[in-house]
C-alpha atoms as a PDB file:
ATOM      1  CA  MET A   1    -213.028  76.429-150.002  1.00  0.00           C
ATOM      2  CA  LYS A   2    -214.153  76.520-146.376  1.00  0.00           C
ATOM      3  CA  ILE A   3    -213.569  73.594-144.016  1.00  0.00           C
ATOM      4  CA  LYS A   4    -216.956  72.204-142.954  1.00  0.00           C
ATOM      5  CA  VAL A   5    -217.098  71.495-139.218  1.00  0.00           C
ATOM      6  CA  ILE A   6    -219.358  69.469-136.904  1.00  0.00           C
ATOM      7  CA  ILE A   7    -219.146  70.153-133.156  1.00  0.00           C
ATOM      8  CA  ALA A   8    -220.198  67.371-130.777  1.00  0.00           C
ATOM      9  CA  GLY A   9    -220.979  68.448-127.229  1.00  0.00           C
ATOM     10  CA  PHE A  10    -221.786  71.988-128.326  1.00  0.00           C
ATOM     11  CA  LYS A  11    -223.844  72.800-125.234  1.00  0.00           C
ATOM     12  CA  GLY A  12    -220.907  72.296-122.857  1.00  0.00           C
ATOM     13  CA  LYS A  13    -218.514  75.073-121.919  1.00  0.00           C
ATOM     14  CA  MET A  14    -215.728  73.922-124.232  1.00  0.00           C
ATOM     15  CA  GLY A  15    -218.157  73.077-127.021  1.00  0.00           C
ATOM     16  CA  SER A  16    -219.879  76.453-126.902  1.00  0.00           C
ATOM     17  CA  THR A  17    -216.505  78.224-126.914  1.00  0.00           C
ATOM     18  CA  ALA A  18    -215.550  76.165-129.986  1.00  0.00           C
ATOM     19  CA  VAL A  19    -218.800  77.207-131.694  1.00  0.00           C
ATOM     20  CA  ASP A  20    -217.882  80.866-131.219  1.00  0.00           C
ATOM     21  CA  MET A  21    -214.363  80.267-132.561  1.00  0.00           C
ATOM     22  CA  VAL A  22    -215.563  78.441-135.693  1.00  0.00           C
ATOM     23  CA  THR A  23    -218.261  80.979-136.539  1.00  0.00           C
ATOM     24  CA  GLN A  24    -215.750  83.822-136.279  1.00  0.00           C
ATOM     25  CA  ASP A  25    -213.215  82.215-138.641  1.00  0.00           C
ATOM     26  CA  GLN A  26    -213.812  82.954-142.331  1.00  0.00           C
ATOM     27  CA  GLU A  27    -211.978  79.773-143.363  1.00  0.00           C
ATOM     28  CA  LEU A  28    -214.365  77.544-141.400  1.00  0.00           C
ATOM     29  CA  GLU A  29    -218.055  76.730-141.812  1.00  0.00           C
ATOM     30  CA  LEU A  30    -220.206  75.240-139.049  1.00  0.00           C
ATOM     31  CA  VAL A  31    -222.514  72.638-140.641  1.00  0.00           C
ATOM     32  CA  GLY A  32    -223.786  70.568-137.709  1.00  0.00           C
ATOM     33  CA  LEU A  33    -224.149  70.577-133.927  1.00  0.00           C
ATOM     34  CA  LEU A  34    -224.570  67.463-131.778  1.00  0.00           C
ATOM     35  CA  ASP A  35    -225.671  67.157-128.159  1.00  0.00           C
ATOM     36  CA  PRO A  36    -228.022  64.578-126.604  1.00  0.00           C
ATOM     37  CA  PHE A  37    -229.471  67.256-124.313  1.00  0.00           C
ATOM     38  CA  ALA A  38    -230.312  69.729-127.081  1.00  0.00           C
ATOM     39  CA  THR A  39    -233.950  70.799-127.422  1.00  0.00           C
ATOM     40  CA  GLU A  40    -233.568  73.326-130.252  1.00  0.00           C
ATOM     41  CA  GLN A  41    -233.620  72.223-133.905  1.00  0.00           C
ATOM     42  CA  ASP A  42    -231.071  74.754-135.109  1.00  0.00           C
ATOM     43  CA  VAL A  43    -228.751  77.472-133.843  1.00  0.00           C
ATOM     44  CA  ASN A  44    -228.456  80.488-136.147  1.00  0.00           C
ATOM     45  CA  GLY A  45    -229.413  78.301-139.080  1.00  0.00           C
ATOM     46  CA  VAL A  46    -227.031  75.437-138.210  1.00  0.00           C
ATOM     47  CA  PRO A  47    -228.925  72.140-137.750  1.00  0.00           C
ATOM     48  CA  VAL A  48    -228.868  70.500-134.319  1.00  0.00           C
ATOM     49  CA  PHE A  49    -228.829  66.720-133.801  1.00  0.00           C
ATOM     50  CA  THR A  50    -229.288  64.630-130.654  1.00  0.00           C
ATOM     51  CA  THR A  51    -227.827  61.315-131.890  1.00  0.00           C
ATOM     52  CA  LYS A  52    -224.697  60.825-133.951  1.00  0.00           C
ATOM     53  CA  GLU A  53    -226.479  58.440-136.327  1.00  0.00           C
ATOM     54  CA  ASP A  54    -228.535  61.403-137.583  1.00  0.00           C
ATOM     55  CA  LEU A  55    -225.291  62.832-138.988  1.00  0.00           C
ATOM     56  CA  ILE A  56    -224.729  59.953-141.416  1.00  0.00           C
ATOM     57  CA  GLY A  57    -224.512  61.413-144.915  1.00  0.00           C
ATOM     58  CA  LEU A  58    -223.911  64.998-143.786  1.00  0.00           C
ATOM     59  CA  GLN A  59    -221.284  66.747-145.907  1.00  0.00           C
ATOM     60  CA  ALA A  60    -218.539  67.687-143.459  1.00  0.00           C
ATOM     61  CA  ASP A  61    -214.753  67.610-143.228  1.00  0.00           C
ATOM     62  CA  VAL A  62    -213.979  67.740-139.491  1.00  0.00           C
ATOM     63  CA  TRP A  63    -215.631  66.407-136.336  1.00  0.00           C
ATOM     64  CA  VAL A  64    -214.756  68.433-133.217  1.00  0.00           C
ATOM     65  CA  ASP A  65    -215.513  66.495-130.026  1.00  0.00           C
ATOM     66  CA  PHE A  66    -215.938  68.004-126.571  1.00  0.00           C
ATOM     67  CA  THR A  67    -218.292  65.430-125.069  1.00  0.00           C
ATOM     68  CA  MET A  68    -217.662  62.964-122.213  1.00  0.00           C
ATOM     69  CA  PRO A  69    -215.050  60.226-121.698  1.00  0.00           C
ATOM     70  CA  LYS A  70    -217.669  57.446-121.798  1.00  0.00           C
ATOM     71  CA  VAL A  71    -218.684  58.288-125.397  1.00  0.00           C
ATOM     72  CA  ALA A  72    -215.460  59.781-126.802  1.00  0.00           C
ATOM     73  CA  TYR A  73    -214.081  56.529-128.234  1.00  0.00           C
ATOM     74  CA  ASP A  74    -217.348  55.581-129.964  1.00  0.00           C
ATOM     75  CA  ASN A  75    -217.731  59.140-131.289  1.00  0.00           C
ATOM     76  CA  THR A  76    -214.205  59.211-132.710  1.00  0.00           C
ATOM     77  CA  ARG A  77    -214.596  55.814-134.335  1.00  0.00           C
ATOM     78  CA  PHE A  78    -217.943  56.922-135.812  1.00  0.00           C
ATOM     79  CA  ALA A  79    -216.358  60.105-137.192  1.00  0.00           C
ATOM     80  CA  LEU A  80    -213.586  58.151-138.926  1.00  0.00           C
ATOM     81  CA  GLU A  81    -216.058  55.648-140.348  1.00  0.00           C
ATOM     82  CA  GLN A  82    -218.133  58.525-141.792  1.00  0.00           C
ATOM     83  CA  GLY A  83    -215.107  60.272-143.319  1.00  0.00           C
ATOM     84  CA  PHE A  84    -214.965  63.124-140.798  1.00  0.00           C
ATOM     85  CA  ALA A  85    -211.439  63.950-139.575  1.00  0.00           C
ATOM     86  CA  PRO A  86    -211.759  64.025-135.769  1.00  0.00           C
ATOM     87  CA  VAL A  87    -210.331  66.764-133.551  1.00  0.00           C
ATOM     88  CA  VAL A  88    -210.939  65.456-130.054  1.00  0.00           C
ATOM     89  CA  GLY A  89    -210.464  67.302-126.778  1.00  0.00           C
ATOM     90  CA  THR A  90    -212.406  64.788-124.707  1.00  0.00           C
ATOM     91  CA  THR A  91    -210.078  62.697-122.525  1.00  0.00           C
ATOM     92  CA  GLY A  92    -210.238  59.196-121.063  1.00  0.00           C
ATOM     93  CA  PHE A  93    -208.888  57.107-123.951  1.00  0.00           C
ATOM     94  CA  THR A  94    -206.862  53.990-123.174  1.00  0.00           C
ATOM     95  CA  GLU A  95    -203.600  53.295-125.000  1.00  0.00           C
ATOM     96  CA  GLU A  96    -205.331  50.400-126.770  1.00  0.00           C
ATOM     97  CA  GLN A  97    -208.177  52.619-127.977  1.00  0.00           C
ATOM     98  CA  ILE A  98    -205.750  55.232-129.307  1.00  0.00           C
ATOM     99  CA  ALA A  99    -203.808  52.530-131.172  1.00  0.00           C
ATOM    100  CA  GLU A 100    -207.047  51.187-132.695  1.00  0.00           C
ATOM    101  CA  LEU A 101    -208.128  54.650-133.832  1.00  0.00           C
ATOM    102  CA  ILE A 102    -204.729  55.402-135.370  1.00  0.00           C
ATOM    103  CA  ALA A 103    -204.898  52.111-137.290  1.00  0.00           C
ATOM    104  CA  LEU A 104    -208.434  52.862-138.506  1.00  0.00           C
ATOM    105  CA  SER A 105    -207.465  56.382-139.604  1.00  0.00           C
ATOM    106  CA  ALA A 106    -204.486  55.004-141.551  1.00  0.00           C
ATOM    107  CA  GLU A 107    -206.785  52.490-143.233  1.00  0.00           C
ATOM    108  CA  LYS A 108    -209.191  55.300-144.154  1.00  0.00           C
ATOM    109  CA  LYS A 109    -206.287  57.630-145.088  1.00  0.00           C
ATOM    110  CA  LEU A 110    -207.889  60.243-142.869  1.00  0.00           C
ATOM    111  CA  GLY A 111    -206.198  62.725-140.563  1.00  0.00           C
ATOM    112  CA  GLY A 112    -207.204  63.287-136.973  1.00  0.00           C
ATOM    113  CA  LEU A 113    -206.098  64.576-133.600  1.00  0.00           C
ATOM    114  CA  ILE A 114    -206.699  63.506-130.014  1.00  0.00           C
ATOM    115  CA  ALA A 115    -205.301  66.216-127.758  1.00  0.00           C
ATOM    116  CA  PRO A 116    -205.398  66.062-123.955  1.00  0.00           C
ATOM    117  CA  ASN A 117    -204.808  69.818-123.987  1.00  0.00           C
ATOM    118  CA  PHE A 118    -205.139  72.430-126.736  1.00  0.00           C
ATOM    119  CA  ALA A 119    -203.372  75.280-124.926  1.00  0.00           C
ATOM    120  CA  ILE A 120    -199.996  76.002-126.532  1.00  0.00           C
ATOM    121  CA  GLY A 121    -198.528  76.829-123.121  1.00  0.00           C
ATOM    122  CA  ALA A 122    -199.563  73.411-121.804  1.00  0.00           C
ATOM    123  CA  ILE A 123    -197.848  71.722-124.747  1.00  0.00           C
ATOM    124  CA  LEU A 124    -194.660  73.648-123.973  1.00  0.00           C
ATOM    125  CA  LEU A 125    -194.914  72.639-120.300  1.00  0.00           C
ATOM    126  CA  MET A 126    -195.059  68.971-121.328  1.00  0.00           C
ATOM    127  CA  GLU A 127    -191.973  69.315-123.509  1.00  0.00           C
ATOM    128  CA  PHE A 128    -190.036  71.276-120.862  1.00  0.00           C
ATOM    129  CA  ALA A 129    -190.982  68.713-118.190  1.00  0.00           C
ATOM    130  CA  ALA A 130    -189.818  65.795-120.311  1.00  0.00           C
ATOM    131  CA  LYS A 131    -186.485  67.518-120.940  1.00  0.00           C
ATOM    132  CA  ALA A 132    -186.029  68.453-117.275  1.00  0.00           C
ATOM    133  CA  SER A 133    -186.742  64.887-116.131  1.00  0.00           C
ATOM    134  CA  LYS A 134    -183.480  63.705-117.710  1.00  0.00           C
ATOM    135  CA  TYR A 135    -181.601  65.838-115.195  1.00  0.00           C
ATOM    136  CA  PHE A 136    -184.135  65.885-112.334  1.00  0.00           C
ATOM    137  CA  PRO A 137    -185.542  62.331-112.197  1.00  0.00           C
ATOM    138  CA  ASP A 138    -187.291  62.937-108.841  1.00  0.00           C
ATOM    139  CA  LEU A 139    -190.583  64.661-109.572  1.00  0.00           C
ATOM    140  CA  GLU A 140    -194.294  64.828-108.864  1.00  0.00           C
ATOM    141  CA  ILE A 141    -197.190  66.144-110.968  1.00  0.00           C
ATOM    142  CA  ILE A 142    -200.049  68.167-109.504  1.00  0.00           C
ATOM    143  CA  GLU A 143    -202.990  68.909-111.793  1.00  0.00           C
ATOM    144  CA  LEU A 144    -205.821  71.215-110.749  1.00  0.00           C
ATOM    145  CA  HIS A 145    -209.206  71.496-112.464  1.00  0.00           C
ATOM    146  CA  HIS A 146    -212.754  72.711-111.881  1.00  0.00           C
ATOM    147  CA  ASP A 147    -215.036  70.556-109.757  1.00  0.00           C
ATOM    148  CA  LYS A 148    -217.162  69.396-112.720  1.00  0.00           C
ATOM    149  CA  LYS A 149    -214.345  67.447-114.355  1.00  0.00           C
ATOM    150  CA  LYS A 150    -215.191  63.746-114.282  1.00  0.00           C
ATOM    151  CA  ASP A 151    -211.856  62.014-114.977  1.00  0.00           C
ATOM    152  CA  ALA A 152    -208.756  61.974-112.795  1.00  0.00           C
ATOM    153  CA  PRO A 153    -205.901  62.293-113.416  1.00  0.00           C
ATOM    154  CA  SER A 154    -206.498  64.685-116.283  1.00  0.00           C
ATOM    155  CA  GLY A 155    -205.547  63.724-119.810  1.00  0.00           C
ATOM    156  CA  THR A 156    -202.900  66.452-119.719  1.00  0.00           C
ATOM    157  CA  ALA A 157    -201.295  64.942-116.614  1.00  0.00           C
ATOM    158  CA  ILE A 158    -201.291  61.471-118.141  1.00  0.00           C
ATOM    159  CA  LYS A 159    -199.784  62.750-121.389  1.00  0.00           C
ATOM    160  CA  THR A 160    -197.137  64.670-119.419  1.00  0.00           C
ATOM    161  CA  ALA A 161    -196.331  61.534-117.442  1.00  0.00           C
ATOM    162  CA  GLU A 162    -196.030  59.478-120.635  1.00  0.00           C
ATOM    163  CA  LEU A 163    -193.600  61.974-122.151  1.00  0.00           C
ATOM    164  CA  ILE A 164    -191.556  61.961-118.954  1.00  0.00           C
ATOM    165  CA  ARG A 165    -191.506  58.151-118.991  1.00  0.00           C
ATOM    166  CA  GLU A 166    -190.039  58.236-122.499  1.00  0.00           C
ATOM    167  CA  ALA A 167    -187.299  60.697-121.508  1.00  0.00           C
ATOM    168  CA  ARG A 168    -186.429  59.702-117.927  1.00  0.00           C
ATOM    169  CA  SER A 169    -184.668  56.610-116.693  1.00  0.00           C
ATOM    170  CA  TYR A 170    -186.967  54.577-114.433  1.00  0.00           C
ATOM    171  CA  LYS A 171    -186.639  55.435-110.770  1.00  0.00           C
ATOM    172  CA  THR A 172    -188.797  54.487-107.810  1.00  0.00           C
ATOM    173  CA  GLN A 173    -189.192  57.516-105.554  1.00  0.00           C
ATOM    174  CA  GLY A 174    -189.803  57.612-101.821  1.00  0.00           C
ATOM    175  CA  VAL A 175    -188.575  55.372 -99.031  1.00  0.00           C
ATOM    176  CA  ALA A 176    -189.101  51.617 -99.154  1.00  0.00           C
ATOM    177  CA  ASP A 177    -191.182  51.488 -95.967  1.00  0.00           C
ATOM    178  CA  GLU A 178    -193.350  54.509 -96.809  1.00  0.00           C
ATOM    179  CA  GLU A 179    -196.828  54.184 -95.256  1.00  0.00           C
ATOM    180  CA  GLU A 180    -200.013  56.030 -96.204  1.00  0.00           C
ATOM    181  CA  LEU A 181    -201.957  56.765 -93.025  1.00  0.00           C
ATOM    182  CA  ILE A 182    -204.916  57.669 -95.240  1.00  0.00           C
ATOM    183  CA  GLU A 183    -205.243  55.700 -98.490  1.00  0.00           C
ATOM    184  CA  GLY A 184    -204.447  57.855-101.513  1.00  0.00           C
ATOM    185  CA  ALA A 185    -202.488  60.443 -99.577  1.00  0.00           C
ATOM    186  CA  ARG A 186    -199.476  60.018-101.856  1.00  0.00           C
ATOM    187  CA  GLY A 187    -201.498  60.244-105.069  1.00  0.00           C
ATOM    188  CA  ALA A 188    -201.471  57.849-108.015  1.00  0.00           C
ATOM    189  CA  GLU A 189    -198.247  56.011-108.846  1.00  0.00           C
ATOM    190  CA  PHE A 190    -196.983  56.200-112.440  1.00  0.00           C
ATOM    191  CA  ASP A 191    -193.625  54.791-113.511  1.00  0.00           C
ATOM    192  CA  GLY A 192    -192.129  55.366-110.082  1.00  0.00           C
ATOM    193  CA  PHE A 193    -193.440  58.896-109.478  1.00  0.00           C
ATOM    194  CA  ARG A 194    -196.736  60.368-108.293  1.00  0.00           C
ATOM    195  CA  ILE A 195    -199.645  62.275-109.832  1.00  0.00           C
ATOM    196  CA  HIS A 196    -202.035  64.299-107.650  1.00  0.00           C
ATOM    197  CA  SER A 197    -205.453  65.602-108.749  1.00  0.00           C
ATOM    198  CA  VAL A 198    -207.184  68.657-107.249  1.00  0.00           C
ATOM    199  CA  ARG A 199    -210.844  69.499-107.997  1.00  0.00           C
ATOM    200  CA  LEU A 200    -212.202  72.855-106.800  1.00  0.00           C
ATOM    201  CA  PRO A 201    -214.767  75.411-108.002  1.00  0.00           C
ATOM    202  CA  GLY A 202    -213.193  78.491-109.550  1.00  0.00           C
ATOM    203  CA  LEU A 203    -210.378  76.595-111.242  1.00  0.00           C
ATOM    204  CA  VAL A 204    -210.223  76.030-115.007  1.00  0.00           C
ATOM    205  CA  ALA A 205    -207.128  73.964-115.931  1.00  0.00           C
ATOM    206  CA  HIS A 206    -203.749  74.150-114.200  1.00  0.00           C
ATOM    207  CA  GLN A 207    -200.715  71.900-113.841  1.00  0.00           C
ATOM    208  CA  GLU A 208    -197.435  71.876-111.948  1.00  0.00           C
ATOM    209  CA  VAL A 209    -194.491  69.547-112.336  1.00  0.00           C
ATOM    210  CA  ILE A 210    -192.247  69.804-109.288  1.00  0.00           C
ATOM    211  CA  PHE A 211    -188.682  68.501-109.462  1.00  0.00           C
ATOM    212  CA  GLY A 212    -186.390  67.938-106.498  1.00  0.00           C
ATOM    213  CA  ALA A 213    -182.618  67.397-106.349  1.00  0.00           C
ATOM    214  CA  GLN A 214    -179.847  67.692-103.800  1.00  0.00           C
ATOM    215  CA  GLY A 215    -179.940  71.290-102.571  1.00  0.00           C
ATOM    216  CA  GLU A 216    -182.264  72.633-105.296  1.00  0.00           C
ATOM    217  CA  GLY A 217    -185.704  72.424-106.812  1.00  0.00           C
ATOM    218  CA  LEU A 218    -187.443  73.317-110.060  1.00  0.00           C
ATOM    219  CA  THR A 219    -191.148  74.003-110.611  1.00  0.00           C
ATOM    220  CA  LEU A 220    -192.850  74.248-114.007  1.00  0.00           C
ATOM    221  CA  ARG A 221    -196.447  75.501-114.067  1.00  0.00           C
ATOM    222  CA  HIS A 222    -199.072  76.320-116.652  1.00  0.00           C
ATOM    223  CA  ASP A 223    -202.429  78.026-116.010  1.00  0.00           C
ATOM    224  CA  SER A 224    -205.474  78.328-118.248  1.00  0.00           C
ATOM    225  CA  TYR A 225    -207.636  81.054-116.735  1.00  0.00           C
ATOM    226  CA  ASP A 226    -210.271  80.941-119.472  1.00  0.00           C
ATOM    227  CA  ARG A 227    -211.389  78.325-122.006  1.00  0.00           C
ATOM    228  CA  SER A 228    -210.534  80.715-124.817  1.00  0.00           C
ATOM    229  CA  SER A 229    -206.904  79.689-124.150  1.00  0.00           C
ATOM    230  CA  PHE A 230    -207.632  76.354-125.843  1.00  0.00           C
ATOM    231  CA  MET A 231    -209.133  77.740-129.031  1.00  0.00           C
ATOM    232  CA  SER A 232    -205.920  78.561-130.901  1.00  0.00           C
ATOM    233  CA  GLY A 233    -204.988  74.874-130.610  1.00  0.00           C
ATOM    234  CA  VAL A 234    -208.445  73.715-131.707  1.00  0.00           C
ATOM    235  CA  ASN A 235    -208.285  76.043-134.699  1.00  0.00           C
ATOM    236  CA  LEU A 236    -204.828  74.758-135.619  1.00  0.00           C
ATOM    237  CA  GLY A 237    -206.032  71.169-135.264  1.00  0.00           C
ATOM    238  CA  ILE A 238    -209.021  71.690-137.562  1.00  0.00           C
ATOM    239  CA  LYS A 239    -206.879  73.232-140.281  1.00  0.00           C
ATOM    240  CA  GLU A 240    -204.104  70.621-140.010  1.00  0.00           C
ATOM    241  CA  VAL A 241    -206.053  67.350-139.868  1.00  0.00           C
ATOM    242  CA  VAL A 242    -207.602  67.918-143.294  1.00  0.00           C
ATOM    243  CA  LYS A 243    -204.075  67.880-144.771  1.00  0.00           C
ATOM    244  CA  ARG A 244    -203.062  64.590-143.148  1.00  0.00           C
ATOM    245  CA  LYS A 245    -203.635  60.860-143.663  1.00  0.00           C
ATOM    246  CA  GLU A 246    -203.380  59.537-140.104  1.00  0.00           C
ATOM    247  CA  LEU A 247    -204.612  60.426-136.640  1.00  0.00           C
ATOM    248  CA  VAL A 248    -202.050  61.634-134.094  1.00  0.00           C
ATOM    249  CA  TYR A 249    -202.141  61.763-130.284  1.00  0.00           C
ATOM    250  CA  GLY A 250    -200.996  65.105-128.897  1.00  0.00           C
ATOM    251  CA  LEU A 251    -201.124  68.601-130.357  1.00  0.00           C
ATOM    252  CA  GLU A 252    -197.324  68.749-130.309  1.00  0.00           C
ATOM    253  CA  LYS A 253    -197.344  66.304-133.261  1.00  0.00           C
ATOM    254  CA  LEU A 254    -198.856  69.091-135.398  1.00  0.00           C
ATOM    255  CA  LEU A 255    -196.518  71.858-134.271  1.00  0.00           C
ATOM    256  CA  SER A 256    -193.471  72.514-136.431  1.00  0.00           C
END
């Protein structure tokens, strides 16, 4: 039996790429498309909706969300309440919101996934960075994205920083009397280290974690040159969440 999928934010670049991926997979069936800016009533026979409330009662298994940070929490909560297992690539969730959604999913016995990044290479970078931070506690994160991205730092950078925090002993970097001649020059502080955000046209999604030690350095970098790089992770997420009974944060939680 095919997994029935709704895609929210289908008119965006990530959403439209997800539409192509779902329609090309024989194990998946696209049953609904949501976007407040849509003017068409259907796309190749798939009904289009402009408000999420119009989806109440629709027979679907998975809600894929590539919308905007300001609506992502409400969308994910709505999906869980309607019995749709959410697969969410929209970022901007607080730790409290994630905890609330995990608790709701457990109550509903419904799987789900919130993933700051769906690229397998990005997941590996996070894991490698966390491991390296045990031995190279002095580090900085630089994340680079296209100039249309609204949130900073990126969800990937925040997730990377959280994993490093779990693995690395706390250490305040820099000199005690450090002075920013221009506010923000040293980036955002997180657990004693810094995160820098770059926004430029032509970029897609890129991240470096730079480590420094006495007499040596280590740089880990991942690049997504095209949004198709995220689709293997989205596909995996769709097929995994229907087997599970609780939402997880991070694609690595679904990788064996």
